Amino acid sequence: MSTAAHSAPSTHSAPSTGSASHIPGTYSGTLTDEQVAHFNDKGYLVFPGWVSEPDIARLKAEIDIWSNGGADDRYGPVSDRTARQMDFQGHWEVMTKPELMSVVGRLLGPGFGHHHIHTAKHLPGDNGVAWHHDYEQHPQTNRSHGMLHTFWYLNGLDGTIGDLLVNPGSHRMILERGTLSCWGHQDLPGTVALDNVPPGTMVVVHSAVLHARRPKPGGDPTKPRYFIDSSYCAAGIRWPHRDAWLKAHARALADGRAAAAGVEHLFDPNHFYNVEQTDWPSFHQVNQGSLLPKLLGK
């Protein structure tokens, strides 16, 4: 990762919102108070050139393997394997780098956990993704503890294949994940579109920030939109997770990788509960009317 100062990425907003060129985009060993304030207020930060050129090359090669069926993920093309993206050496090293751990720790506090890491290779003509957020909570009732996603664009974003849209400040709203998906990937009031950032850019978003991927015509088929997202969650509560990822976390602890990297806290099972074991009929029976008197026993 390059720690040299970078100029702010080129972004544009919806016509009514003006420029977003004020985004803090430098990193020199620790986040500044301005960057933390921007994240807390707007819900995102942009770091051009975060991923080094050697890491970009290695990660692209691993994504190619994954895209051809070399690892299993609920978004992936195969379902009969147990490997996850974090089992790739390059993905593992980048998602646990001390510089990233410093950034996440400043935003979430000590002892945070790792939720997941996903990868994708988007090609010209691929569909977009409608407005949504990724804050894990059942039901959605509060934002007491922080969760964030780090989006890495290995080939950058150049206005083709897919722009990243974010709606600054929307992490303060309490919404179900797909509440605004009916708007597709149209501009919402205040939308910021990131469509011109260099290779290796990392975007850090509060997981509750509304975001979307707007499809674009064109694009060079030899220059896919290589994308990785790695998500982290604050300590202090139990976050919903799935069995396959809990097993991947357990492997990272059992085989010594986490200890060797000094990141055992990322995979502490006390961070999570297995949402796949939820008794949903019982939940829906309880989740009726106002929960306040039920929570207070009145």
Protein backbone atom coordinates (compact mmCIF):
# COMPACT_ATOMS: atom_id res chain seq x y z
CA MET A 1 0.00 0.00 0.00
CA SER A 2 1.22 3.45 -0.82
CA THR A 3 1.18 5.86 2.09
CA ALA A 4 2.20 8.89 0.06
CA ALA A 5 -0.25 11.75 -0.19
CA HIS A 6 -2.71 11.55 -3.07
CA SER A 7 -4.95 14.17 -4.60
CA ALA A 8 -8.66 13.76 -4.00
CA PRO A 9 -10.43 11.51 -6.52
CA SER A 10 -12.43 13.03 -9.33
CA THR A 11 -16.08 12.65 -8.43
CA HIS A 12 -19.29 14.31 -9.39
CA SER A 13 -22.62 14.69 -7.67
CA ALA A 14 -26.16 14.69 -8.89
CA PRO A 15 -26.94 17.98 -10.64
CA SER A 16 -28.45 19.57 -7.55
CA THR A 17 -25.61 18.79 -5.15
CA GLY A 18 -22.45 20.36 -6.55
CA SER A 19 -18.90 19.03 -6.22
CA ALA A 20 -17.64 16.34 -3.86
CA SER A 21 -13.97 17.24 -4.31
CA HIS A 22 -13.59 17.90 -0.58
CA ILE A 23 -13.37 14.17 0.23
CA PRO A 24 -10.26 13.59 2.42
CA GLY A 25 -8.09 11.20 0.42
CA THR A 26 -4.63 11.05 1.98
CA TYR A 27 -3.18 8.59 4.47
CA SER A 28 0.16 8.98 6.20
CA GLY A 29 0.07 6.45 9.02
CA THR A 30 -3.13 7.39 10.79
CA LEU A 31 -6.48 8.97 10.01
CA THR A 32 -6.79 12.68 10.69
CA ASP A 33 -9.53 14.14 12.87
CA GLU A 34 -10.97 15.65 9.68
CA GLN A 35 -11.22 12.24 8.06
CA VAL A 36 -12.89 10.69 11.10
CA ALA A 37 -15.36 13.59 11.23
CA HIS A 38 -16.07 13.22 7.51
CA PHE A 39 -16.72 9.50 7.92
CA ASN A 40 -19.02 10.06 10.89
CA ASP A 41 -20.92 12.83 9.08
CA LYS A 42 -21.00 11.66 5.46
CA GLY A 43 -20.41 7.93 5.96
CA TYR A 44 -17.55 7.37 3.53
CA LEU A 45 -13.89 8.08 2.71
CA VAL A 46 -11.90 7.63 -0.50
CA PHE A 47 -8.23 6.59 -0.66
CA PRO A 48 -6.77 6.64 -4.19
CA GLY A 49 -3.88 4.25 -4.75
CA TRP A 50 -4.39 2.36 -1.50
CA VAL A 51 -3.55 -1.04 -3.04
CA SER A 52 0.01 -1.30 -4.37
CA GLU A 53 0.71 -2.35 -7.96
CA PRO A 54 2.20 -5.74 -6.95
CA ASP A 55 -0.85 -6.45 -4.77
CA ILE A 56 -3.18 -5.37 -7.59
CA ALA A 57 -1.60 -7.91 -9.93
CA ARG A 58 -1.77 -10.70 -7.36
CA LEU A 59 -5.37 -9.93 -6.39
CA LYS A 60 -6.50 -9.86 -10.02
CA ALA A 61 -4.98 -13.29 -10.57
CA GLU A 62 -6.79 -14.63 -7.50
CA ILE A 63 -10.09 -13.09 -8.61
CA ASP A 64 -9.67 -14.78 -12.00
CA ILE A 65 -9.27 -18.11 -10.21
CA TRP A 66 -12.33 -17.45 -8.07
CA SER A 67 -14.43 -16.32 -11.04
CA ASN A 68 -13.63 -19.60 -12.81
CA GLY A 69 -14.94 -21.67 -9.91
CA GLY A 70 -11.85 -21.94 -7.76
CA ALA A 71 -13.54 -20.86 -4.53
CA ASP A 72 -17.02 -20.86 -3.07
CA ASP A 73 -19.08 -17.84 -2.10
CA ARG A 74 -22.82 -17.25 -1.97
CA TYR A 75 -22.33 -14.84 -4.88
CA GLY A 76 -20.07 -17.26 -6.75
CA PRO A 77 -20.53 -19.77 -9.57
CA VAL A 78 -20.04 -22.98 -7.58
CA SER A 79 -21.53 -24.35 -4.38
CA ASP A 80 -19.64 -27.56 -3.67
CA ARG A 81 -16.40 -26.11 -2.26
CA THR A 82 -15.42 -24.84 1.15
CA ALA A 83 -12.69 -22.32 0.23
CA ARG A 84 -13.45 -18.64 0.71
CA GLN A 85 -11.74 -15.59 -0.72
CA MET A 86 -9.90 -15.06 2.55
CA ASP A 87 -8.16 -18.40 1.90
CA PHE A 88 -6.29 -16.79 -1.01
CA GLN A 89 -2.93 -15.57 0.25
CA GLY A 90 -3.16 -12.18 -1.45
CA HIS A 91 -6.67 -11.47 -0.20
CA TRP A 92 -5.66 -12.55 3.30
CA GLU A 93 -2.61 -10.30 3.42
CA VAL A 94 -4.40 -7.23 2.09
CA MET A 95 -7.46 -7.58 4.33
CA THR A 96 -5.28 -7.95 7.46
CA LYS A 97 -2.54 -5.39 6.68
CA PRO A 98 -1.56 -3.31 9.70
CA GLU A 99 -2.32 -0.05 7.84
CA LEU A 100 -5.89 -1.17 7.18
CA MET A 101 -6.26 -2.44 10.74
CA SER A 102 -5.23 1.04 11.93
CA VAL A 103 -7.88 2.72 9.78
CA VAL A 104 -10.63 0.33 10.83
CA GLY A 105 -9.64 0.54 14.49
CA ARG A 106 -9.83 4.33 14.41
CA LEU A 107 -13.34 4.20 12.95
CA LEU A 108 -14.78 1.23 14.87
CA GLY A 109 -12.76 1.11 18.08
CA PRO A 110 -10.58 -1.71 19.46
CA GLY A 111 -11.30 -5.42 19.21
CA PHE A 112 -13.40 -5.22 16.03
CA GLY A 113 -14.33 -8.29 14.02
CA HIS A 114 -14.11 -9.26 10.37
CA HIS A 115 -17.45 -10.05 8.78
CA HIS A 116 -16.68 -11.17 5.22
CA ILE A 117 -14.71 -10.55 2.05
CA HIS A 118 -16.31 -10.82 -1.40
CA THR A 119 -14.82 -10.54 -4.87
CA ALA A 120 -16.24 -9.97 -8.32
CA LYS A 121 -15.15 -9.30 -11.90
CA HIS A 122 -17.66 -7.10 -13.70
CA LEU A 123 -17.63 -7.00 -17.50
CA PRO A 124 -19.10 -4.60 -20.08
CA GLY A 125 -22.87 -5.02 -20.18
CA ASP A 126 -23.19 -6.34 -16.62
CA ASN A 127 -26.25 -5.29 -14.67
CA GLY A 128 -26.21 -2.65 -11.99
CA VAL A 129 -27.21 -2.99 -8.35
CA ALA A 130 -30.12 -0.96 -6.95
CA TRP A 131 -29.91 1.29 -3.90
CA HIS A 132 -29.35 -0.66 -0.70
CA HIS A 133 -27.26 -0.74 2.44
CA ASP A 134 -25.30 -3.60 4.00
CA TYR A 135 -25.68 -3.04 7.74
CA GLU A 136 -26.28 -6.45 9.30
CA GLN A 137 -29.14 -6.37 11.82
CA HIS A 138 -32.38 -8.29 12.38
CA PRO A 139 -34.66 -6.38 12.64
CA GLN A 140 -33.23 -2.99 11.64
CA THR A 141 -33.84 -0.84 14.73
CA ASN A 142 -30.67 1.14 15.60
CA ARG A 143 -27.08 1.97 14.71
CA SER A 144 -25.59 1.57 18.17
CA HIS A 145 -22.41 -0.12 16.90
CA GLY A 146 -20.42 0.63 13.80
CA MET A 147 -19.94 -1.58 10.78
CA LEU A 148 -18.03 -0.66 7.65
CA HIS A 149 -17.20 -1.99 4.21
CA THR A 150 -13.97 -1.38 2.35
CA PHE A 151 -14.50 -1.37 -1.43
CA TRP A 152 -11.36 -1.88 -3.51
CA TYR A 153 -11.33 -1.04 -7.24
CA LEU A 154 -8.25 -2.72 -8.67
CA ASN A 155 -8.65 -1.16 -12.12
CA GLY A 156 -10.09 2.03 -10.70
CA LEU A 157 -13.36 3.50 -11.98
CA ASP A 158 -13.44 5.31 -15.31
CA GLY A 159 -17.11 5.94 -16.07
CA THR A 160 -17.61 2.61 -17.84
CA ILE A 161 -19.05 -0.75 -16.72
CA GLY A 162 -20.25 0.57 -13.34
CA ASP A 163 -20.08 3.75 -11.24
CA LEU A 164 -20.23 3.63 -7.46
CA LEU A 165 -23.09 5.79 -6.15
CA VAL A 166 -23.27 6.80 -2.48
CA ASN A 167 -25.83 8.88 -0.62
CA PRO A 168 -23.87 10.81 2.02
CA GLY A 169 -25.32 10.87 5.52
CA SER A 170 -27.87 8.14 4.85
CA HIS A 171 -26.24 5.88 7.46
CA ARG A 172 -28.18 7.83 10.09
CA MET A 173 -31.50 6.56 8.72
CA ILE A 174 -32.97 3.30 9.99
CA LEU A 175 -34.11 1.39 6.93
CA GLU A 176 -34.42 -2.19 5.82
CA ARG A 177 -31.63 -3.02 3.41
CA GLY A 178 -33.65 -2.79 0.21
CA THR A 179 -36.20 -0.16 1.16
CA LEU A 180 -35.15 2.22 -1.62
CA SER A 181 -34.33 -0.42 -4.22
CA CYS A 182 -37.50 0.66 -6.03
CA TRP A 183 -35.48 3.66 -7.25
CA GLY A 184 -33.02 1.39 -9.02
CA HIS A 185 -29.78 3.30 -9.55
CA GLN A 186 -31.28 6.70 -10.28
CA ASP A 187 -29.81 9.72 -8.53
CA LEU A 188 -31.29 10.34 -5.10
CA PRO A 189 -31.06 13.84 -3.57
CA GLY A 190 -27.43 14.37 -2.62
CA THR A 191 -26.07 11.43 -4.63
CA VAL A 192 -22.32 11.35 -5.17
CA ALA A 193 -21.07 9.29 -8.12
CA LEU A 194 -17.51 7.99 -8.08
CA ASP A 195 -16.62 7.40 -11.71
CA ASN A 196 -13.01 8.60 -12.07
CA VAL A 197 -10.63 7.11 -9.51
CA PRO A 198 -7.23 5.50 -10.18
CA PRO A 199 -6.34 1.80 -9.95
CA GLY A 200 -6.04 0.49 -6.40
CA THR A 201 -8.50 2.97 -4.91
CA MET A 202 -10.16 1.96 -1.64
CA VAL A 203 -13.52 3.44 -0.63
CA VAL A 204 -14.49 3.02 3.02
CA VAL A 205 -18.23 3.25 3.65
CA HIS A 206 -20.31 2.96 6.78
CA SER A 207 -22.26 -0.20 6.07
CA ALA A 208 -25.56 1.61 6.60
CA VAL A 209 -24.83 4.20 3.88
CA LEU A 210 -27.11 3.77 0.88
CA HIS A 211 -25.12 2.89 -2.21
CA ALA A 212 -25.65 1.46 -5.67
CA ARG A 213 -23.80 0.38 -8.80
CA ARG A 214 -24.94 2.23 -11.91
CA PRO A 215 -24.32 0.22 -15.11
CA LYS A 216 -22.65 2.08 -17.95
CA PRO A 217 -22.45 1.21 -21.64
CA GLY A 218 -19.08 0.52 -23.16
CA GLY A 219 -15.95 -0.45 -21.36
CA ASP A 220 -12.84 -2.32 -22.44
CA PRO A 221 -13.42 -6.10 -22.19
CA THR A 222 -9.70 -6.49 -21.46
CA LYS A 223 -10.08 -4.17 -18.44
CA PRO A 224 -12.79 -5.66 -16.21
CA ARG A 225 -14.11 -3.92 -13.13
CA TYR A 226 -12.17 -5.97 -10.57
CA PHE A 227 -13.89 -5.45 -7.24
CA ILE A 228 -13.28 -6.61 -3.65
CA ASP A 229 -15.21 -5.70 -0.54
CA SER A 230 -14.00 -6.57 2.94
CA SER A 231 -16.27 -5.81 5.88
CA TYR A 232 -15.55 -5.21 9.58
CA CYS A 233 -17.83 -4.76 12.60
CA ALA A 234 -17.41 -3.17 16.02
CA ALA A 235 -17.01 -5.23 19.18
CA GLY A 236 -19.66 -5.26 21.88
CA ILE A 237 -22.64 -6.93 20.22
CA ARG A 238 -23.25 -10.15 18.30
CA TRP A 239 -23.61 -9.71 14.56
CA PRO A 240 -25.58 -12.06 12.29
CA HIS A 241 -23.48 -14.36 10.16
CA ARG A 242 -23.69 -17.54 8.12
CA ASP A 243 -22.35 -20.99 8.76
CA ALA A 244 -19.83 -21.08 5.90
CA TRP A 245 -18.17 -17.86 7.01
CA LEU A 246 -18.12 -18.89 10.66
CA LYS A 247 -16.30 -22.05 9.61
CA ALA A 248 -13.82 -19.99 7.56
CA HIS A 249 -13.17 -17.82 10.62
CA ALA A 250 -12.62 -20.91 12.74
CA ARG A 251 -10.08 -22.22 10.20
CA ALA A 252 -8.15 -18.95 10.35
CA LEU A 253 -7.85 -19.36 14.12
CA ALA A 254 -7.10 -23.09 14.04
CA ASP A 255 -4.39 -23.01 11.37
CA GLY A 256 -2.44 -20.21 13.03
CA ARG A 257 -2.89 -17.59 10.29
CA ALA A 258 -4.70 -15.17 12.59
CA ALA A 259 -2.14 -15.51 15.36
CA ALA A 260 0.76 -15.05 12.95
CA ALA A 261 -0.77 -11.81 11.67
CA GLY A 262 -1.77 -10.63 15.16
CA VAL A 263 -5.46 -10.43 14.19
CA GLU A 264 -7.15 -13.10 16.31
CA HIS A 265 -9.71 -10.51 17.35
CA LEU A 266 -11.07 -10.42 13.80
CA PHE A 267 -12.38 -13.97 14.09
CA ASP A 268 -13.49 -14.11 17.72
CA PRO A 269 -16.71 -16.20 17.62
CA ASN A 270 -18.19 -13.97 20.31
CA HIS A 271 -18.68 -11.30 17.64
CA PHE A 272 -21.31 -13.37 15.82
CA TYR A 273 -24.36 -15.57 15.95
CA ASN A 274 -25.45 -18.00 13.23
CA VAL A 275 -28.44 -16.39 11.54
CA GLU A 276 -29.10 -19.61 9.65
CA GLN A 277 -30.17 -21.19 12.94
CA THR A 278 -32.84 -18.53 13.55
CA ASP A 279 -36.34 -19.74 14.38
CA TRP A 280 -38.00 -17.32 11.98
CA PRO A 281 -41.63 -18.25 12.78
CA SER A 282 -40.96 -17.47 16.45
CA PHE A 283 -39.22 -14.23 15.49
CA HIS A 284 -42.16 -13.07 13.38
CA GLN A 285 -44.52 -13.95 16.23
CA VAL A 286 -42.57 -11.66 18.59
CA ASN A 287 -41.87 -8.94 16.01
CA GLN A 288 -45.34 -7.44 16.06
CA GLY A 289 -46.41 -3.96 17.07
CA SER A 290 -44.11 -1.90 19.25
CA LEU A 291 -41.15 -3.81 20.67
CA LEU A 292 -40.61 -1.37 23.54
CA PRO A 293 -43.01 -2.90 26.06
CA LYS A 294 -41.77 -6.38 25.17
CA LEU A 295 -38.13 -5.39 25.64
CA LEU A 296 -38.95 -3.76 28.99
CA GLY A 297 -41.18 -6.61 30.08
CA LYS A 298 -44.26 -4.40 30.39
